[in-house]
Amino acid sequence: MRKRETLAQITERIDTYERFFAGFGFDCPLPKHLKRTINSGFPRYNLMVDAHFMAEMCAGILVAVTDFDRFDGALVLDSAEEGELCRGMGGQEFRTKEGEIVLRDEKDIVCVLCQGADEKTRVGEDTRNVLFYAYGIPGVEGNHLRDGLTIAAEAMRDFGVGAIQGVEMIDN
């Protein structure tokens, strides 16, 4: 990050996500992540998930980490129809609400913004190509998304093996 963020600025963005999620009737995970990080420090799982949490907490944005090789074809940002299904992490079943923001590959919904990512693209021991992504929402400027995604990419590069293919912003 180019400039030092204060906890108040990060909390303000997290509150913006929380209000956005509440508009769809869901709880945002970011406030719990922030509270846990303040009280206990960054959790440690594996490099990919740790980089994801660092990006969220340092930039105050919601970030997903996925196994890029598990997507089936091109990705499309879309609005869901009422009742579409997505198999979430741990076998959870997500049923979409009309107008919910979803990310799809050519076969399935791979993430429902306010409900979570799918099991199919979950990172694991065999993951070789990682994709971090973040959704822009009203009230969160694009530079914060870029900063957060850059933090995740640089952590993977600096502490893992590999290279950054790019940090891109896509408007839909």
Protein backbone atom coordinates (compact mmCIF):
# COMPACT_ATOMS: atom_id res chain seq x y z
CA MET A 1 0.00 0.00 0.00
CA ARG A 2 1.29 3.42 -0.91
CA LYS A 3 -0.12 5.21 2.11
CA ARG A 4 -0.72 4.08 5.63
CA GLU A 5 -4.35 3.27 6.37
CA THR A 6 -5.81 3.92 9.76
CA LEU A 7 -8.02 1.47 11.57
CA ALA A 8 -10.85 4.02 11.34
CA GLN A 9 -10.58 4.17 7.51
CA ILE A 10 -10.47 0.39 7.20
CA THR A 11 -13.42 0.04 9.60
CA GLU A 12 -15.40 2.57 7.56
CA ARG A 13 -15.02 0.45 4.41
CA ILE A 14 -15.91 -2.71 6.32
CA ASP A 15 -19.05 -0.96 7.61
CA THR A 16 -19.92 -0.09 3.99
CA TYR A 17 -19.72 -3.79 3.07
CA GLU A 18 -21.80 -4.68 6.12
CA ARG A 19 -24.58 -2.28 5.06
CA PHE A 20 -24.47 -3.62 1.49
CA PHE A 21 -24.82 -7.23 2.68
CA ALA A 22 -27.66 -6.28 5.04
CA GLY A 23 -29.54 -4.91 2.02
CA PHE A 24 -29.68 -8.49 0.71
CA GLY A 25 -30.48 -9.92 4.15
CA PHE A 26 -27.05 -11.41 4.89
CA ASP A 27 -24.27 -10.86 7.43
CA CYS A 28 -20.93 -9.70 6.07
CA PRO A 29 -17.95 -11.75 7.30
CA LEU A 30 -15.58 -8.76 7.41
CA PRO A 31 -16.59 -7.36 10.84
CA LYS A 32 -15.91 -10.76 12.45
CA HIS A 33 -12.58 -11.04 10.60
CA LEU A 34 -11.57 -7.57 11.82
CA LYS A 35 -12.55 -8.27 15.43
CA ARG A 36 -10.65 -11.57 15.43
CA THR A 37 -7.59 -9.93 13.86
CA ILE A 38 -7.57 -7.08 16.39
CA ASN A 39 -7.97 -9.48 19.32
CA SER A 40 -5.78 -12.37 18.18
CA GLY A 41 -3.68 -11.26 15.21
CA PHE A 42 -3.80 -12.68 11.72
CA PRO A 43 -4.94 -16.29 11.54
CA ARG A 44 -2.53 -18.80 9.98
CA TYR A 45 -3.87 -21.46 7.64
CA ASN A 46 -1.75 -21.62 4.51
CA LEU A 47 -0.06 -18.99 2.38
CA MET A 48 -3.00 -18.56 -0.01
CA VAL A 49 -5.62 -18.08 2.71
CA ASP A 50 -3.26 -15.99 4.85
CA ALA A 51 -2.59 -13.63 1.91
CA HIS A 52 -6.35 -13.33 1.43
CA PHE A 53 -6.89 -12.31 5.08
CA MET A 54 -4.00 -9.83 4.92
CA ALA A 55 -5.57 -8.20 1.88
CA GLU A 56 -8.96 -7.95 3.58
CA MET A 57 -7.67 -6.50 6.82
CA CYS A 58 -5.04 -4.16 5.37
CA ALA A 59 -7.36 -2.69 2.72
CA GLY A 60 -10.76 -3.14 4.37
CA ILE A 61 -12.25 -4.98 1.39
CA LEU A 62 -13.81 -8.39 0.82
CA VAL A 63 -11.43 -10.70 -1.07
CA ALA A 64 -11.88 -14.23 -2.40
CA VAL A 65 -9.07 -16.68 -3.09
CA THR A 66 -9.63 -19.50 -5.59
CA ASP A 67 -7.86 -22.24 -7.49
CA PHE A 68 -7.78 -20.73 -10.98
CA ASP A 69 -7.30 -24.11 -12.67
CA ARG A 70 -10.66 -25.35 -11.37
CA PHE A 71 -12.76 -22.82 -13.29
CA ASP A 72 -14.56 -24.16 -16.35
CA GLY A 73 -13.97 -21.56 -19.03
CA ALA A 74 -14.44 -17.81 -18.94
CA LEU A 75 -15.69 -15.89 -15.91
CA VAL A 76 -18.72 -13.58 -16.04
CA LEU A 77 -20.03 -11.18 -13.41
CA ASP A 78 -23.82 -11.41 -13.41
CA SER A 79 -27.07 -10.82 -11.53
CA ALA A 80 -28.79 -13.96 -10.28
CA GLU A 81 -32.36 -14.99 -10.80
CA GLU A 82 -34.42 -16.07 -7.81
CA GLY A 83 -33.60 -19.61 -6.64
CA GLU A 84 -30.42 -20.43 -8.56
CA LEU A 85 -28.21 -22.93 -6.72
CA CYS A 86 -24.54 -22.84 -5.86
CA ARG A 87 -22.63 -25.47 -3.90
CA GLY A 88 -20.75 -23.46 -1.32
CA MET A 89 -17.71 -24.37 0.73
CA GLY A 90 -18.16 -27.33 3.00
CA GLY A 91 -21.19 -28.52 1.04
CA GLN A 92 -23.42 -25.56 1.94
CA GLU A 93 -26.20 -24.92 -0.53
CA PHE A 94 -26.64 -21.30 -1.58
CA ARG A 95 -29.98 -20.37 -3.10
CA THR A 96 -29.83 -16.96 -4.76
CA LYS A 97 -32.17 -14.05 -4.37
CA GLU A 98 -33.30 -12.01 -7.38
CA GLY A 99 -30.60 -9.53 -8.34
CA GLU A 100 -27.85 -10.95 -6.13
CA ILE A 101 -24.38 -10.46 -7.58
CA VAL A 102 -22.78 -13.71 -8.73
CA LEU A 103 -19.62 -14.79 -10.51
CA ARG A 104 -20.08 -17.60 -13.02
CA ASP A 105 -17.79 -19.75 -15.07
CA GLU A 106 -19.18 -21.47 -18.18
CA LYS A 107 -20.81 -24.25 -16.10
CA ASP A 108 -21.68 -22.99 -12.62
CA ILE A 109 -22.05 -20.12 -10.23
CA VAL A 110 -18.66 -20.01 -8.52
CA CYS A 111 -19.41 -17.25 -6.01
CA VAL A 112 -22.48 -15.52 -4.63
CA LEU A 113 -21.20 -12.20 -3.31
CA CYS A 114 -23.30 -12.06 -0.13
CA GLN A 115 -23.24 -15.81 0.55
CA GLY A 116 -19.77 -17.04 -0.37
CA ALA A 117 -17.55 -18.93 -2.78
CA ASP A 118 -18.11 -22.42 -4.12
CA GLU A 119 -16.43 -25.66 -3.12
CA LYS A 120 -15.29 -26.43 -6.68
CA THR A 121 -12.66 -23.65 -6.80
CA ARG A 122 -11.49 -23.91 -3.18
CA VAL A 123 -7.71 -23.70 -2.80
CA GLY A 124 -5.94 -26.81 -1.55
CA GLU A 125 -2.57 -28.51 -1.25
CA ASP A 126 -2.54 -29.16 -5.01
CA THR A 127 -3.35 -25.55 -6.03
CA ARG A 128 -0.75 -24.14 -8.41
CA ASN A 129 -2.49 -21.10 -9.91
CA VAL A 130 -4.31 -18.75 -7.55
CA LEU A 131 -6.86 -16.09 -8.42
CA PHE A 132 -7.69 -13.41 -5.89
CA TYR A 133 -10.70 -11.26 -6.67
CA ALA A 134 -12.72 -8.56 -4.97
CA TYR A 135 -16.11 -7.05 -5.71
CA GLY A 136 -16.54 -3.31 -5.93
CA ILE A 137 -19.62 -2.01 -4.16
CA PRO A 138 -21.06 1.50 -3.90
CA GLY A 139 -18.99 3.53 -1.43
CA VAL A 140 -15.73 1.58 -1.83
CA GLU A 141 -13.34 3.17 -4.30
CA GLY A 142 -11.45 1.11 -6.86
CA ASN A 143 -8.04 2.11 -5.51
CA HIS A 144 -8.83 0.19 -2.29
CA LEU A 145 -9.65 -2.93 -4.33
CA ARG A 146 -6.41 -2.58 -6.28
CA ASP A 147 -4.43 -2.05 -3.04
CA GLY A 148 -5.93 -5.13 -1.40
CA LEU A 149 -5.42 -7.38 -4.41
CA THR A 150 -1.84 -6.13 -4.74
CA ILE A 151 -1.18 -6.99 -1.09
CA ALA A 152 -2.43 -10.56 -1.69
CA ALA A 153 -0.45 -10.98 -4.92
CA GLU A 154 2.76 -9.60 -3.44
CA ALA A 155 2.46 -11.81 -0.34
CA MET A 156 2.12 -14.87 -2.57
CA ARG A 157 5.10 -13.80 -4.68
CA ASP A 158 7.31 -12.82 -1.76
CA PHE A 159 6.60 -15.82 0.49
CA GLY A 160 5.72 -18.48 -2.06
CA VAL A 161 6.98 -19.60 -5.40
CA GLY A 162 5.77 -17.93 -8.56
CA ALA A 163 5.04 -14.64 -10.21
CA ILE A 164 2.25 -12.09 -10.40
CA GLN A 165 0.41 -12.31 -13.72
CA GLY A 166 -1.33 -9.00 -13.12
CA VAL A 167 -3.72 -6.97 -11.01
CA GLU A 168 -6.68 -5.88 -13.13
CA MET A 169 -9.81 -3.85 -12.55
CA ILE A 170 -12.81 -4.84 -14.67
CA ASP A 171 -15.92 -2.70 -14.86
CA ASN A 172 -19.19 -4.50 -15.55
